[in-house]
Amino acid sequence: MHSHHDKTRGWQPFWAALGAALLVLLPLVGGTILLTRQSLRTKLAAKPQSGVAVRMPKAENQLTLLVCTAGEQPGFVLLYLNASQNCIRLAALPAETAIPFGQGEATLAQCYAAAGPARCREALLEPLPATVLCDPLCITTHFLFNVTLSPSVLAAIADRYGMLRVGFSGALTADELAQCGLSGGVQALSAREAQSLLSGWDKDGTLPPSHRAAARAAVWDAFFRQDLELLPTTLPAALRAHSSELLTDLTAQDLLTLESTLEFLANGNAAVFADALPGAWNPTRRFYGLTDASRASVQTLFNVWPTEAQAASSSEP
């Protein structure tokens, strides 16, 4: 008779237990959903919206590097990265560039062979005044870092970015292009092919040094333009991975600065300026002499201008 009533009384503790469990569980589940949404929102907020810089570049996000590609025919490039000006500027230096060495003069290539890349850097600081290779206000003397890449390391680092699309028509004359078996159009080259092409021309020596340097500048220009967005995450990592094979004075801290500088430049889609360092070629001595035009070019390249007093004294007759 009262079996139905007993049954419902038996269910009551079950519902009570389920209700208690739900009371405990619901806030937990709700809290988790809230947390997940919040962390997602935080992540989204941390992601820089395109064109909006999250942090501002510091004075240290400005690096000048002398990059040497090693080998029988070394190549030299002055590279300037400036996050606050959102630009990458580079000057390719002919291996025949004359620099002070010992009591006299030597070419960059001779200095490199005899005393190594650090000595090349020191020697360059003499004819190209230190004021040129520092930040625009010269508040801090800016270091000229030195990075030397062997052909195998250069290939290992650069090959991951794929083929370079390089145009040499701005660097070489139509006759020179024909002589080298190149068209006036854009060439697709791997880093290894570009390096062997440039060192082959240096060894051959028939093309004028300034044209060979301009061709080297065109290769580096293509590299930065095409791979800029990949560089912040991959280039410093690649340099770290090959650190035992590099000749460099970049410290672990400098590599972090390089990383953040490249990040600023990639986010800002930085402007790239590349050219050969102008100079006077002496075919008899086989020296490429630095001139007033060279110094002016470096000042333009690194966006550094003399103070008004210096400008006034140099413009006097």
C-alpha atoms as a PDB file:
ATOM      1  CA  MET A   1       0.000   0.000   0.000  1.00  0.00           C
ATOM      2  CA  HIS A   2       2.611   2.535   1.067  1.00  0.00           C
ATOM      3  CA  SER A   3       5.395   1.015  -1.090  1.00  0.00           C
ATOM      4  CA  HIS A   4       5.132   3.991  -3.545  1.00  0.00           C
ATOM      5  CA  HIS A   5       5.708   6.455  -0.673  1.00  0.00           C
ATOM      6  CA  ASP A   6       8.761   4.481   0.526  1.00  0.00           C
ATOM      7  CA  LYS A   7      10.176   4.550  -2.986  1.00  0.00           C
ATOM      8  CA  THR A   8       9.953   8.334  -3.230  1.00  0.00           C
ATOM      9  CA  ARG A   9      11.458   8.615   0.251  1.00  0.00           C
ATOM     10  CA  GLY A  10      14.344   6.426  -1.008  1.00  0.00           C
ATOM     11  CA  TRP A  11      14.906   8.797  -3.969  1.00  0.00           C
ATOM     12  CA  GLN A  12      15.024  11.917  -1.813  1.00  0.00           C
ATOM     13  CA  PRO A  13      18.580  11.391  -0.428  1.00  0.00           C
ATOM     14  CA  PHE A  14      19.742  10.737  -4.014  1.00  0.00           C
ATOM     15  CA  TRP A  15      18.290  14.049  -5.303  1.00  0.00           C
ATOM     16  CA  ALA A  16      19.641  15.849  -2.248  1.00  0.00           C
ATOM     17  CA  ALA A  17      23.112  14.415  -2.900  1.00  0.00           C
ATOM     18  CA  LEU A  18      22.928  15.271  -6.600  1.00  0.00           C
ATOM     19  CA  GLY A  19      21.785  18.816  -5.767  1.00  0.00           C
ATOM     20  CA  ALA A  20      24.679  19.245  -3.321  1.00  0.00           C
ATOM     21  CA  ALA A  21      27.141  17.928  -5.887  1.00  0.00           C
ATOM     22  CA  LEU A  22      25.799  20.311  -8.518  1.00  0.00           C
ATOM     23  CA  LEU A  23      26.020  23.242  -6.113  1.00  0.00           C
ATOM     24  CA  VAL A  24      29.699  22.459  -5.662  1.00  0.00           C
ATOM     25  CA  LEU A  25      30.392  21.690  -9.332  1.00  0.00           C
ATOM     26  CA  LEU A  26      28.597  24.574 -11.023  1.00  0.00           C
ATOM     27  CA  PRO A  27      30.733  27.380  -9.594  1.00  0.00           C
ATOM     28  CA  LEU A  28      33.850  25.324 -10.435  1.00  0.00           C
ATOM     29  CA  VAL A  29      32.789  24.794 -14.049  1.00  0.00           C
ATOM     30  CA  GLY A  30      31.597  28.392 -14.329  1.00  0.00           C
ATOM     31  CA  GLY A  31      34.870  29.607 -12.845  1.00  0.00           C
ATOM     32  CA  THR A  32      36.870  27.518 -15.304  1.00  0.00           C
ATOM     33  CA  ILE A  33      34.914  28.924 -18.257  1.00  0.00           C
ATOM     34  CA  LEU A  34      35.469  32.445 -16.925  1.00  0.00           C
ATOM     35  CA  LEU A  35      39.197  31.784 -16.436  1.00  0.00           C
ATOM     36  CA  THR A  36      39.553  30.338 -19.918  1.00  0.00           C
ATOM     37  CA  ARG A  37      37.831  33.348 -21.451  1.00  0.00           C
ATOM     38  CA  GLN A  38      39.933  35.706 -19.373  1.00  0.00           C
ATOM     39  CA  SER A  39      43.252  34.063 -20.321  1.00  0.00           C
ATOM     40  CA  LEU A  40      42.123  34.106 -23.956  1.00  0.00           C
ATOM     41  CA  ARG A  41      41.348  37.820 -23.656  1.00  0.00           C
ATOM     42  CA  THR A  42      44.750  38.444 -22.029  1.00  0.00           C
ATOM     43  CA  LYS A  43      46.465  36.530 -24.828  1.00  0.00           C
ATOM     44  CA  LEU A  44      44.600  38.488 -27.479  1.00  0.00           C
ATOM     45  CA  ALA A  45      45.440  41.766 -25.759  1.00  0.00           C
ATOM     46  CA  ALA A  46      49.122  40.790 -25.592  1.00  0.00           C
ATOM     47  CA  LYS A  47      49.191  40.135 -29.340  1.00  0.00           C
ATOM     48  CA  PRO A  48      50.209  43.379 -31.064  1.00  0.00           C
ATOM     49  CA  GLN A  49      47.486  44.601 -33.376  1.00  0.00           C
ATOM     50  CA  SER A  50      48.987  45.298 -36.764  1.00  0.00           C
ATOM     51  CA  GLY A  51      50.672  48.680 -36.822  1.00  0.00           C
ATOM     52  CA  VAL A  52      50.377  49.195 -33.069  1.00  0.00           C
ATOM     53  CA  ALA A  53      53.675  48.850 -31.218  1.00  0.00           C
ATOM     54  CA  VAL A  54      53.246  47.389 -27.754  1.00  0.00           C
ATOM     55  CA  ARG A  55      56.578  48.651 -26.444  1.00  0.00           C
ATOM     56  CA  MET A  56      58.640  51.572 -27.616  1.00  0.00           C
ATOM     57  CA  PRO A  57      62.162  51.030 -29.022  1.00  0.00           C
ATOM     58  CA  LYS A  58      64.987  52.011 -26.678  1.00  0.00           C
ATOM     59  CA  ALA A  59      68.286  53.653 -27.638  1.00  0.00           C
ATOM     60  CA  GLU A  60      69.902  50.200 -27.505  1.00  0.00           C
ATOM     61  CA  ASN A  61      67.613  48.974 -30.308  1.00  0.00           C
ATOM     62  CA  GLN A  62      70.118  50.448 -32.679  1.00  0.00           C
ATOM     63  CA  LEU A  63      72.962  48.212 -33.770  1.00  0.00           C
ATOM     64  CA  THR A  64      75.852  48.645 -36.164  1.00  0.00           C
ATOM     65  CA  LEU A  65      77.488  45.445 -37.357  1.00  0.00           C
ATOM     66  CA  LEU A  66      80.428  44.722 -39.610  1.00  0.00           C
ATOM     67  CA  VAL A  67      79.418  41.467 -41.276  1.00  0.00           C
ATOM     68  CA  CYS A  68      82.228  39.525 -42.930  1.00  0.00           C
ATOM     69  CA  THR A  69      81.586  36.536 -45.130  1.00  0.00           C
ATOM     70  CA  ALA A  70      84.695  34.446 -44.684  1.00  0.00           C
ATOM     71  CA  GLY A  71      86.547  32.372 -47.233  1.00  0.00           C
ATOM     72  CA  GLU A  72      89.261  32.871 -49.807  1.00  0.00           C
ATOM     73  CA  GLN A  73      87.460  35.983 -51.086  1.00  0.00           C
ATOM     74  CA  PRO A  74      85.988  37.675 -47.995  1.00  0.00           C
ATOM     75  CA  GLY A  75      83.005  40.006 -48.391  1.00  0.00           C
ATOM     76  CA  PHE A  76      82.258  42.991 -46.129  1.00  0.00           C
ATOM     77  CA  VAL A  77      78.989  44.728 -45.270  1.00  0.00           C
ATOM     78  CA  LEU A  78      78.317  47.514 -42.761  1.00  0.00           C
ATOM     79  CA  LEU A  79      74.845  46.937 -41.393  1.00  0.00           C
ATOM     80  CA  TYR A  80      72.849  49.446 -39.357  1.00  0.00           C
ATOM     81  CA  LEU A  81      69.564  48.482 -37.671  1.00  0.00           C
ATOM     82  CA  ASN A  82      67.590  51.328 -36.104  1.00  0.00           C
ATOM     83  CA  ALA A  83      64.226  50.468 -34.531  1.00  0.00           C
ATOM     84  CA  SER A  84      63.234  54.031 -33.588  1.00  0.00           C
ATOM     85  CA  GLN A  85      63.838  55.226 -37.183  1.00  0.00           C
ATOM     86  CA  ASN A  86      62.257  51.991 -38.478  1.00  0.00           C
ATOM     87  CA  CYS A  87      65.023  51.411 -41.011  1.00  0.00           C
ATOM     88  CA  ILE A  88      67.711  48.970 -42.071  1.00  0.00           C
ATOM     89  CA  ARG A  89      70.659  50.559 -43.849  1.00  0.00           C
ATOM     90  CA  LEU A  90      73.614  48.733 -45.280  1.00  0.00           C
ATOM     91  CA  ALA A  91      76.775  49.646 -47.133  1.00  0.00           C
ATOM     92  CA  ALA A  92      78.754  46.962 -48.945  1.00  0.00           C
ATOM     93  CA  LEU A  93      82.493  47.634 -48.748  1.00  0.00           C
ATOM     94  CA  PRO A  94      84.799  46.412 -51.534  1.00  0.00           C
ATOM     95  CA  ALA A  95      87.435  43.974 -50.234  1.00  0.00           C
ATOM     96  CA  GLU A  96      90.000  46.390 -51.782  1.00  0.00           C
ATOM     97  CA  THR A  97      88.919  49.253 -49.468  1.00  0.00           C
ATOM     98  CA  ALA A  98      92.116  50.893 -48.157  1.00  0.00           C
ATOM     99  CA  ILE A  99      92.391  51.149 -44.361  1.00  0.00           C
ATOM    100  CA  PRO A 100      95.226  52.169 -42.002  1.00  0.00           C
ATOM    101  CA  PHE A 101      97.339  49.141 -41.093  1.00  0.00           C
ATOM    102  CA  GLY A 102     100.617  49.154 -39.183  1.00  0.00           C
ATOM    103  CA  GLN A 103     102.609  52.177 -40.375  1.00  0.00           C
ATOM    104  CA  GLY A 104     100.946  52.237 -43.772  1.00  0.00           C
ATOM    105  CA  GLU A 105      97.816  51.014 -45.539  1.00  0.00           C
ATOM    106  CA  ALA A 106      96.315  47.677 -46.445  1.00  0.00           C
ATOM    107  CA  THR A 107      93.101  46.538 -48.076  1.00  0.00           C
ATOM    108  CA  LEU A 108      90.265  45.186 -45.936  1.00  0.00           C
ATOM    109  CA  ALA A 109      90.929  41.713 -47.389  1.00  0.00           C
ATOM    110  CA  GLN A 110      94.668  41.904 -46.539  1.00  0.00           C
ATOM    111  CA  CYS A 111      93.921  43.123 -43.013  1.00  0.00           C
ATOM    112  CA  TYR A 112      91.356  40.330 -42.608  1.00  0.00           C
ATOM    113  CA  ALA A 113      93.833  37.660 -43.767  1.00  0.00           C
ATOM    114  CA  ALA A 114      96.660  38.988 -41.589  1.00  0.00           C
ATOM    115  CA  ALA A 115      94.866  40.003 -38.392  1.00  0.00           C
ATOM    116  CA  GLY A 116      91.241  38.873 -38.508  1.00  0.00           C
ATOM    117  CA  PRO A 117      87.858  40.631 -38.523  1.00  0.00           C
ATOM    118  CA  ALA A 118      88.187  42.456 -35.176  1.00  0.00           C
ATOM    119  CA  ARG A 119      91.250  44.279 -36.539  1.00  0.00           C
ATOM    120  CA  CYS A 120      89.273  45.208 -39.702  1.00  0.00           C
ATOM    121  CA  ARG A 121      86.617  46.753 -37.484  1.00  0.00           C
ATOM    122  CA  GLU A 122      89.178  48.801 -35.517  1.00  0.00           C
ATOM    123  CA  ALA A 123      90.891  49.965 -38.705  1.00  0.00           C
ATOM    124  CA  LEU A 124      87.550  51.061 -40.209  1.00  0.00           C
ATOM    125  CA  LEU A 125      86.776  53.220 -37.184  1.00  0.00           C
ATOM    126  CA  GLU A 126      89.794  55.438 -37.987  1.00  0.00           C
ATOM    127  CA  PRO A 127      88.860  56.679 -41.504  1.00  0.00           C
ATOM    128  CA  LEU A 128      85.121  56.560 -40.777  1.00  0.00           C
ATOM    129  CA  PRO A 129      85.021  58.717 -37.637  1.00  0.00           C
ATOM    130  CA  ALA A 130      83.517  57.112 -34.550  1.00  0.00           C
ATOM    131  CA  THR A 131      80.871  59.861 -34.516  1.00  0.00           C
ATOM    132  CA  VAL A 132      79.474  58.342 -37.682  1.00  0.00           C
ATOM    133  CA  LEU A 133      79.124  54.918 -36.118  1.00  0.00           C
ATOM    134  CA  CYS A 134      77.223  55.977 -33.025  1.00  0.00           C
ATOM    135  CA  ASP A 135      73.687  57.054 -32.303  1.00  0.00           C
ATOM    136  CA  PRO A 136      72.553  60.341 -33.897  1.00  0.00           C
ATOM    137  CA  LEU A 137      72.952  62.377 -30.714  1.00  0.00           C
ATOM    138  CA  CYS A 138      76.237  60.691 -29.818  1.00  0.00           C
ATOM    139  CA  ILE A 139      75.076  60.330 -26.221  1.00  0.00           C
ATOM    140  CA  THR A 140      76.654  56.906 -26.084  1.00  0.00           C
ATOM    141  CA  THR A 141      79.499  55.794 -28.288  1.00  0.00           C
ATOM    142  CA  HIS A 142      77.948  53.102 -30.368  1.00  0.00           C
ATOM    143  CA  PHE A 143      79.675  49.803 -30.735  1.00  0.00           C
ATOM    144  CA  LEU A 144      80.446  48.410 -34.125  1.00  0.00           C
ATOM    145  CA  PHE A 145      79.860  44.703 -33.587  1.00  0.00           C
ATOM    146  CA  ASN A 146      81.663  42.179 -35.646  1.00  0.00           C
ATOM    147  CA  VAL A 147      80.058  39.009 -37.072  1.00  0.00           C
ATOM    148  CA  THR A 148      81.951  36.645 -39.366  1.00  0.00           C
ATOM    149  CA  LEU A 149      80.118  33.875 -41.196  1.00  0.00           C
ATOM    150  CA  SER A 150      81.885  31.045 -42.990  1.00  0.00           C
ATOM    151  CA  PRO A 151      80.284  29.996 -46.325  1.00  0.00           C
ATOM    152  CA  SER A 152      78.861  26.814 -44.713  1.00  0.00           C
ATOM    153  CA  VAL A 153      77.359  28.694 -41.742  1.00  0.00           C
ATOM    154  CA  LEU A 154      76.031  31.407 -44.080  1.00  0.00           C
ATOM    155  CA  ALA A 155      74.320  28.711 -46.175  1.00  0.00           C
ATOM    156  CA  ALA A 156      72.998  26.890 -43.066  1.00  0.00           C
ATOM    157  CA  ILE A 157      71.500  30.125 -41.749  1.00  0.00           C
ATOM    158  CA  ALA A 158      70.199  31.615 -45.001  1.00  0.00           C
ATOM    159  CA  ASP A 159      69.021  28.472 -46.821  1.00  0.00           C
ATOM    160  CA  ARG A 160      66.066  28.106 -44.430  1.00  0.00           C
ATOM    161  CA  TYR A 161      64.581  31.278 -45.977  1.00  0.00           C
ATOM    162  CA  GLY A 162      64.451  29.769 -49.478  1.00  0.00           C
ATOM    163  CA  MET A 163      65.532  31.334 -52.750  1.00  0.00           C
ATOM    164  CA  LEU A 164      66.480  35.007 -52.945  1.00  0.00           C
ATOM    165  CA  ARG A 165      64.994  37.039 -55.774  1.00  0.00           C
ATOM    166  CA  VAL A 166      67.793  39.441 -56.693  1.00  0.00           C
ATOM    167  CA  GLY A 167      67.981  42.067 -59.421  1.00  0.00           C
ATOM    168  CA  PHE A 168      71.530  43.056 -60.454  1.00  0.00           C
ATOM    169  CA  SER A 169      70.556  45.633 -63.091  1.00  0.00           C
ATOM    170  CA  GLY A 170      71.095  48.527 -60.627  1.00  0.00           C
ATOM    171  CA  ALA A 171      74.579  47.236 -59.727  1.00  0.00           C
ATOM    172  CA  LEU A 172      76.046  46.174 -63.069  1.00  0.00           C
ATOM    173  CA  THR A 173      75.916  47.720 -66.545  1.00  0.00           C
ATOM    174  CA  ALA A 174      74.112  45.922 -69.396  1.00  0.00           C
ATOM    175  CA  ASP A 175      77.525  44.898 -70.810  1.00  0.00           C
ATOM    176  CA  GLU A 176      78.668  43.537 -67.434  1.00  0.00           C
ATOM    177  CA  LEU A 177      75.440  41.576 -67.033  1.00  0.00           C
ATOM    178  CA  ALA A 178      75.915  40.034 -70.480  1.00  0.00           C
ATOM    179  CA  GLN A 179      79.583  39.296 -69.676  1.00  0.00           C
ATOM    180  CA  CYS A 180      78.469  37.454 -66.498  1.00  0.00           C
ATOM    181  CA  GLY A 181      75.742  35.571 -68.367  1.00  0.00           C
ATOM    182  CA  LEU A 182      72.967  37.298 -66.429  1.00  0.00           C
ATOM    183  CA  SER A 183      69.767  38.874 -67.678  1.00  0.00           C
ATOM    184  CA  GLY A 184      68.561  42.306 -66.598  1.00  0.00           C
ATOM    185  CA  GLY A 185      65.629  40.643 -64.812  1.00  0.00           C
ATOM    186  CA  VAL A 186      65.328  39.193 -61.328  1.00  0.00           C
ATOM    187  CA  GLN A 187      67.426  36.078 -60.620  1.00  0.00           C
ATOM    188  CA  ALA A 188      66.331  33.375 -58.154  1.00  0.00           C
ATOM    189  CA  LEU A 189      69.406  32.329 -56.172  1.00  0.00           C
ATOM    190  CA  SER A 190      70.052  30.273 -53.065  1.00  0.00           C
ATOM    191  CA  ALA A 191      72.361  31.843 -50.447  1.00  0.00           C
ATOM    192  CA  ARG A 192      75.100  29.418 -51.516  1.00  0.00           C
ATOM    193  CA  GLU A 193      74.723  30.374 -55.199  1.00  0.00           C
ATOM    194  CA  ALA A 194      74.700  34.099 -54.393  1.00  0.00           C
ATOM    195  CA  GLN A 195      77.823  33.729 -52.238  1.00  0.00           C
ATOM    196  CA  SER A 196      79.730  31.744 -54.891  1.00  0.00           C
ATOM    197  CA  LEU A 197      78.685  34.222 -57.592  1.00  0.00           C
ATOM    198  CA  LEU A 198      79.947  37.201 -55.539  1.00  0.00           C
ATOM    199  CA  SER A 199      83.211  35.529 -54.449  1.00  0.00           C
ATOM    200  CA  GLY A 200      83.758  34.371 -58.049  1.00  0.00           C
ATOM    201  CA  TRP A 201      83.526  37.986 -59.249  1.00  0.00           C
ATOM    202  CA  ASP A 202      85.886  39.091 -56.463  1.00  0.00           C
ATOM    203  CA  LYS A 203      88.426  36.442 -57.474  1.00  0.00           C
ATOM    204  CA  ASP A 204      88.110  37.301 -61.162  1.00  0.00           C
ATOM    205  CA  GLY A 205      88.535  41.013 -60.423  1.00  0.00           C
ATOM    206  CA  THR A 206      87.402  42.200 -63.873  1.00  0.00           C
ATOM    207  CA  LEU A 207      84.273  43.979 -62.617  1.00  0.00           C
ATOM    208  CA  PRO A 208      85.004  47.324 -60.903  1.00  0.00           C
ATOM    209  CA  PRO A 209      85.094  47.004 -57.079  1.00  0.00           C
ATOM    210  CA  SER A 210      82.214  49.464 -56.656  1.00  0.00           C
ATOM    211  CA  HIS A 211      80.003  47.377 -58.984  1.00  0.00           C
ATOM    212  CA  ARG A 212      80.881  44.151 -57.152  1.00  0.00           C
ATOM    213  CA  ALA A 213      80.059  45.861 -53.843  1.00  0.00           C
ATOM    214  CA  ALA A 214      76.757  47.128 -55.301  1.00  0.00           C
ATOM    215  CA  ALA A 215      75.917  43.548 -56.357  1.00  0.00           C
ATOM    216  CA  ARG A 216      76.641  42.349 -52.795  1.00  0.00           C
ATOM    217  CA  ALA A 217      74.401  45.143 -51.457  1.00  0.00           C
ATOM    218  CA  ALA A 218      71.613  43.986 -53.832  1.00  0.00           C
ATOM    219  CA  VAL A 219      71.796  40.438 -52.410  1.00  0.00           C
ATOM    220  CA  TRP A 220      71.584  41.647 -48.792  1.00  0.00           C
ATOM    221  CA  ASP A 221      68.844  44.093 -49.724  1.00  0.00           C
ATOM    222  CA  ALA A 222      66.772  41.227 -51.199  1.00  0.00           C
ATOM    223  CA  PHE A 223      67.403  39.113 -48.086  1.00  0.00           C
ATOM    224  CA  PHE A 224      66.071  41.751 -45.670  1.00  0.00           C
ATOM    225  CA  ARG A 225      63.137  42.785 -47.837  1.00  0.00           C
ATOM    226  CA  GLN A 226      61.928  39.232 -48.475  1.00  0.00           C
ATOM    227  CA  ASP A 227      62.517  37.652 -45.088  1.00  0.00           C
ATOM    228  CA  LEU A 228      61.986  40.520 -42.657  1.00  0.00           C
ATOM    229  CA  GLU A 229      58.931  39.027 -40.918  1.00  0.00           C
ATOM    230  CA  LEU A 230      60.742  35.692 -40.368  1.00  0.00           C
ATOM    231  CA  LEU A 231      63.989  37.160 -39.043  1.00  0.00           C
ATOM    232  CA  PRO A 232      63.085  38.094 -35.417  1.00  0.00           C
ATOM    233  CA  THR A 233      62.236  34.497 -34.529  1.00  0.00           C
ATOM    234  CA  THR A 234      64.777  32.703 -36.707  1.00  0.00           C
ATOM    235  CA  LEU A 235      67.929  34.773 -37.234  1.00  0.00           C
ATOM    236  CA  PRO A 236      69.105  35.274 -33.607  1.00  0.00           C
ATOM    237  CA  ALA A 237      68.215  31.605 -32.926  1.00  0.00           C
ATOM    238  CA  ALA A 238      70.303  30.545 -35.929  1.00  0.00           C
ATOM    239  CA  LEU A 239      73.243  32.704 -34.786  1.00  0.00           C
ATOM    240  CA  ARG A 240      72.993  31.092 -31.313  1.00  0.00           C
ATOM    241  CA  ALA A 241      72.862  27.605 -32.826  1.00  0.00           C
ATOM    242  CA  HIS A 242      76.082  28.302 -34.786  1.00  0.00           C
ATOM    243  CA  SER A 243      77.769  30.412 -32.092  1.00  0.00           C
ATOM    244  CA  SER A 244      80.734  28.017 -31.791  1.00  0.00           C
ATOM    245  CA  GLU A 245      81.504  28.503 -35.504  1.00  0.00           C
ATOM    246  CA  LEU A 246      81.010  32.283 -35.544  1.00  0.00           C
ATOM    247  CA  LEU A 247      83.727  34.841 -35.029  1.00  0.00           C
ATOM    248  CA  THR A 248      81.758  37.521 -33.208  1.00  0.00           C
ATOM    249  CA  ASP A 249      81.830  39.813 -30.207  1.00  0.00           C
ATOM    250  CA  LEU A 250      78.021  39.704 -29.848  1.00  0.00           C
ATOM    251  CA  THR A 251      77.196  38.556 -26.303  1.00  0.00           C
ATOM    252  CA  ALA A 252      74.058  36.641 -25.257  1.00  0.00           C
ATOM    253  CA  GLN A 253      72.598  40.014 -24.193  1.00  0.00           C
ATOM    254  CA  ASP A 254      73.441  41.562 -27.592  1.00  0.00           C
ATOM    255  CA  LEU A 255      71.618  38.707 -29.319  1.00  0.00           C
ATOM    256  CA  LEU A 256      68.523  39.470 -27.200  1.00  0.00           C
ATOM    257  CA  THR A 257      68.827  43.128 -28.266  1.00  0.00           C
ATOM    258  CA  LEU A 258      69.181  42.005 -31.897  1.00  0.00           C
ATOM    259  CA  GLU A 259      66.034  39.878 -31.459  1.00  0.00           C
ATOM    260  CA  SER A 260      63.914  42.739 -30.065  1.00  0.00           C
ATOM    261  CA  THR A 261      65.330  45.181 -32.656  1.00  0.00           C
ATOM    262  CA  LEU A 262      64.406  42.842 -35.524  1.00  0.00           C
ATOM    263  CA  GLU A 263      60.968  42.402 -33.933  1.00  0.00           C
ATOM    264  CA  PHE A 264      60.386  46.178 -33.964  1.00  0.00           C
ATOM    265  CA  LEU A 265      61.625  46.391 -37.558  1.00  0.00           C
ATOM    266  CA  ALA A 266      59.457  43.480 -38.741  1.00  0.00           C
ATOM    267  CA  ASN A 267      56.353  44.864 -36.976  1.00  0.00           C
ATOM    268  CA  GLY A 268      56.971  48.266 -38.556  1.00  0.00           C
ATOM    269  CA  ASN A 269      57.700  46.762 -41.993  1.00  0.00           C
ATOM    270  CA  ALA A 270      60.963  48.725 -41.936  1.00  0.00           C
ATOM    271  CA  ALA A 271      62.414  50.562 -44.931  1.00  0.00           C
ATOM    272  CA  VAL A 272      65.597  48.984 -46.337  1.00  0.00           C
ATOM    273  CA  PHE A 273      68.371  51.101 -47.902  1.00  0.00           C
ATOM    274  CA  ALA A 274      71.359  49.349 -49.466  1.00  0.00           C
ATOM    275  CA  ASP A 275      74.277  50.595 -51.531  1.00  0.00           C
ATOM    276  CA  ALA A 276      77.975  50.260 -52.169  1.00  0.00           C
ATOM    277  CA  LEU A 277      80.294  52.568 -50.246  1.00  0.00           C
ATOM    278  CA  PRO A 278      81.564  55.142 -52.764  1.00  0.00           C
ATOM    279  CA  GLY A 279      85.325  55.564 -53.140  1.00  0.00           C
ATOM    280  CA  ALA A 280      88.158  56.152 -55.597  1.00  0.00           C
ATOM    281  CA  TRP A 281      89.622  53.110 -57.361  1.00  0.00           C
ATOM    282  CA  ASN A 282      93.369  53.165 -57.973  1.00  0.00           C
ATOM    283  CA  PRO A 283      93.971  50.405 -60.571  1.00  0.00           C
ATOM    284  CA  THR A 284      97.780  50.612 -60.227  1.00  0.00           C
ATOM    285  CA  ARG A 285      97.884  50.135 -56.448  1.00  0.00           C
ATOM    286  CA  ARG A 286      94.619  48.109 -56.537  1.00  0.00           C
ATOM    287  CA  PHE A 287      93.315  50.144 -53.620  1.00  0.00           C
ATOM    288  CA  TYR A 288      89.784  51.484 -53.227  1.00  0.00           C
ATOM    289  CA  GLY A 289      90.421  54.748 -51.374  1.00  0.00           C
ATOM    290  CA  LEU A 290      87.946  56.309 -48.952  1.00  0.00           C
ATOM    291  CA  THR A 291      87.087  59.882 -49.933  1.00  0.00           C
ATOM    292  CA  ASP A 292      84.918  62.735 -48.671  1.00  0.00           C
ATOM    293  CA  ALA A 293      82.120  61.098 -50.674  1.00  0.00           C
ATOM    294  CA  SER A 294      82.652  57.862 -48.675  1.00  0.00           C
ATOM    295  CA  ARG A 295      82.378  59.710 -45.364  1.00  0.00           C
ATOM    296  CA  ALA A 296      79.353  61.713 -46.536  1.00  0.00           C
ATOM    297  CA  SER A 297      77.731  58.487 -47.735  1.00  0.00           C
ATOM    298  CA  VAL A 298      78.263  56.808 -44.365  1.00  0.00           C
ATOM    299  CA  GLN A 299      76.757  59.834 -42.648  1.00  0.00           C
ATOM    300  CA  THR A 300      73.711  59.658 -44.912  1.00  0.00           C
ATOM    301  CA  LEU A 301      73.527  55.886 -44.611  1.00  0.00           C
ATOM    302  CA  PHE A 302      73.594  55.961 -40.829  1.00  0.00           C
ATOM    303  CA  ASN A 303      71.475  59.106 -40.734  1.00  0.00           C
ATOM    304  CA  VAL A 304      74.084  60.981 -38.717  1.00  0.00           C
ATOM    305  CA  TRP A 305      74.796  64.606 -39.449  1.00  0.00           C
ATOM    306  CA  PRO A 306      77.657  66.810 -38.203  1.00  0.00           C
ATOM    307  CA  THR A 307      76.750  69.374 -35.562  1.00  0.00           C
ATOM    308  CA  GLU A 308      75.990  72.900 -36.831  1.00  0.00           C
ATOM    309  CA  ALA A 309      79.435  74.083 -35.714  1.00  0.00           C
ATOM    310  CA  GLN A 310      81.153  71.300 -37.657  1.00  0.00           C
ATOM    311  CA  ALA A 311      78.985  71.987 -40.704  1.00  0.00           C
ATOM    312  CA  ALA A 312      79.772  75.728 -40.559  1.00  0.00           C
ATOM    313  CA  SER A 313      83.541  75.177 -40.289  1.00  0.00           C
ATOM    314  CA  SER A 314      83.593  72.693 -43.170  1.00  0.00           C
ATOM    315  CA  SER A 315      81.538  74.978 -45.442  1.00  0.00           C
ATOM    316  CA  GLU A 316      83.888  77.939 -44.989  1.00  0.00           C
ATOM    317  CA  PRO A 317      85.967  78.631 -48.126  1.00  0.00           C
END
